[in-house]
Protein backbone atom coordinates (compact mmCIF):
# COMPACT_ATOMS: atom_id res chain seq x y z
CA MET A 1 2.85 9.66 -6.02
CA PHE A 2 0.27 11.49 -8.20
CA GLU A 3 2.60 14.04 -9.84
CA GLU A 4 4.71 11.20 -11.23
CA ARG A 5 2.15 8.27 -11.61
CA SER A 6 -0.74 10.32 -13.39
CA ASP A 7 -2.19 6.84 -13.92
CA VAL A 8 -2.89 6.22 -10.45
CA LYS A 9 -3.99 9.45 -9.81
CA SER A 10 -6.82 9.39 -12.49
CA MET A 11 -8.11 6.14 -10.92
CA PHE A 12 -9.34 7.91 -7.94
CA GLU A 13 -12.49 10.31 -8.75
CA GLN A 14 -12.47 12.41 -5.93
CA PHE A 15 -9.01 13.91 -6.71
CA ARG A 16 -8.21 12.94 -10.56
CA THR A 17 -9.58 16.98 -12.10
CA VAL A 18 -7.46 18.63 -8.93
CA GLU A 19 -4.35 20.24 -10.74
CA LYS A 20 -1.31 18.88 -9.56
CA GLN A 21 -0.15 22.46 -8.13
CA ASP A 22 -3.08 21.88 -5.86
CA LEU A 23 -2.93 18.30 -4.60
CA GLY A 24 -0.86 19.71 -1.42
CA THR A 25 -3.80 21.10 -0.30
CA SER A 26 -6.39 18.49 -1.50
CA GLN A 27 -8.66 17.72 1.30
CA SER A 28 -9.73 14.81 -0.19
CA LEU A 29 -6.09 13.20 -0.90
CA GLU A 30 -5.08 14.45 2.50
CA ASN A 31 -8.11 11.88 3.96
CA HIS A 32 -6.98 9.26 1.45
CA ALA A 33 -3.18 9.84 2.56
CA LEU A 34 -4.39 9.02 6.28
CA LEU A 35 -6.02 5.86 5.21
CA VAL A 36 -3.32 4.31 3.45
CA MET A 37 -0.59 5.57 6.38
CA ASN A 38 -3.40 4.22 8.89
CA ALA A 39 -3.47 0.62 6.91
CA LEU A 40 0.55 0.41 6.68
CA ASP A 41 0.91 1.62 10.39
CA GLU A 42 -1.75 -1.57 11.04
CA ALA A 43 0.34 -3.54 9.02
CA ILE A 44 3.40 -2.98 10.54
CA ALA A 45 2.07 -2.95 13.93
CA ASN A 46 0.79 -6.52 13.67
CA MET A 47 4.02 -8.65 12.18
CA ASP A 48 3.90 -10.25 15.22
CA ASP A 49 0.65 -11.43 14.52
CA PRO A 50 0.83 -12.88 11.28
CA GLU A 51 -2.47 -14.72 10.96
CA TYR A 52 -4.39 -11.25 11.28
CA LEU A 53 -1.65 -9.39 9.43
CA ILE A 54 -2.36 -11.90 6.65
CA GLU A 55 -5.94 -11.83 6.58
CA MET A 56 -6.55 -7.82 7.45
CA LEU A 57 -4.10 -7.46 3.90
CA LEU A 58 -6.22 -9.89 1.97
CA THR A 59 -9.06 -8.29 3.04
CA THR A 60 -7.63 -5.19 2.21
CA GLY A 61 -6.55 -5.87 -1.31
CA LYS A 62 -9.93 -7.57 -1.91
CA SER A 63 -11.60 -4.54 -1.18
CA HIS A 64 -10.11 -2.97 -4.11
CA ARG A 65 -11.59 -4.74 -6.43
CA ARG A 66 -14.91 -2.37 -6.23
CA PHE A 67 -12.89 0.43 -7.86
CA ASP A 68 -13.49 -0.54 -11.68
CA ASP A 69 -10.35 1.18 -12.90
CA PHE A 70 -7.70 -0.32 -10.00
CA VAL A 71 -5.40 -2.63 -11.44
CA PRO A 72 -3.20 -4.67 -9.07
CA ASP A 73 0.06 -2.93 -10.41
CA SER A 74 -1.02 0.56 -9.14
CA PHE A 75 -0.50 -1.09 -4.87
CA TRP A 76 3.44 -0.19 -6.25
CA ALA A 77 2.64 3.48 -6.57
CA ILE A 78 2.82 3.82 -2.67
CA GLU A 79 6.40 2.12 -2.27
CA GLU A 80 8.57 4.99 -2.85
CA PRO A 81 6.84 7.81 -0.95
CA PHE A 82 6.67 4.97 1.89
CA ILE A 83 10.15 4.75 2.16
CA GLN A 84 10.36 8.70 1.62
CA ALA A 85 8.22 9.56 4.48
CA THR A 86 10.01 7.10 6.48
CA ARG A 87 13.47 8.36 5.61
CA GLU A 88 12.12 12.09 6.97
CA SER A 89 10.80 10.48 9.85
CA LEU A 90 13.60 8.43 11.25
CA GLY A 91 16.43 11.20 10.04
CA ASP A 92 20.21 10.22 11.21
CA ARG A 93 18.56 7.08 12.32
CA PHE A 94 17.64 5.84 8.75
CA THR A 95 20.40 3.95 7.44
CA ASN A 96 21.16 1.57 4.25
CA HIS A 97 19.83 -1.54 6.65
CA MET A 98 16.71 0.58 7.49
CA ASP A 99 15.91 0.67 3.93
CA GLY A 100 16.75 -2.57 3.31
CA ILE A 101 14.16 -3.59 6.06
CA TYR A 102 11.65 -0.98 5.23
CA ARG A 103 11.63 -2.26 1.49
CA LYS A 104 11.16 -5.67 2.81
CA THR A 105 8.38 -4.75 4.63
CA ILE A 106 6.65 -2.73 1.96
CA ARG A 107 6.93 -5.40 -0.36
CA PHE A 108 5.45 -7.77 1.56
CA VAL A 109 2.61 -5.85 2.34
CA LEU A 110 1.96 -4.58 -1.16
CA GLU A 111 2.29 -8.54 -2.25
CA VAL A 112 -0.24 -9.64 -0.08
CA LEU A 113 -2.41 -6.65 -1.01
CA ILE A 114 -2.03 -7.23 -4.68
CA PHE A 115 -2.74 -11.29 -4.06
CA GLY A 116 -6.01 -10.22 -2.50
CA LEU A 117 -7.04 -8.12 -4.98
CA LYS A 118 -6.32 -10.81 -7.53
CA ASN A 119 -7.40 -13.71 -5.83
CA ASN A 120 -10.22 -15.67 -4.43
CA PHE A 121 -9.78 -16.60 -0.85
CA GLU A 122 -11.43 -17.78 2.16
CA GLU A 123 -11.03 -15.36 4.91
CA SER A 124 -11.24 -18.55 7.52
CA ASN A 125 -8.68 -20.20 5.61
CA THR A 126 -5.59 -17.83 5.08
CA GLU A 127 -2.98 -20.53 5.27
CA ASN A 128 -3.42 -21.80 2.17
CA ALA A 129 -3.68 -18.16 0.57
CA LEU A 130 -0.34 -17.22 0.35
CA PRO A 131 1.59 -15.90 -2.62
CA ALA A 132 5.22 -16.84 -3.74
CA PHE A 133 6.90 -13.59 -1.47
CA GLY A 134 9.20 -11.94 -3.61
CA SER A 135 7.81 -12.64 -7.08
CA GLN A 136 6.44 -9.56 -7.78
CA ARG A 137 9.25 -6.97 -8.10
């Protein structure tokens, strides 16, 4: 992702100076990737609990406000790497239908994260804090 999106890489102080050829061995990058994948895993694992899922994603999006250089569009940089990782993980089981399902899933997750980043909301009242999904991409 950072090889293609240097704008996103430059937002991360811990590896903004790491050369592209060294990204694969960066412990900081590996730690951050693990955090991101764990958050995505938690989101997918909780799709059957919409209240928890929405609140978790809104809170995670909101938490990114502390980063001065972080812009909402940066969340979209994870879409294709997520699809690629899913494709590699599922192997032959990854069909065009699965591609559609996982794209809808990651887009939903990213739209809620972006909404949380951009908007104020009360954690106890997420019902009225939801965006119109499908409008971002």
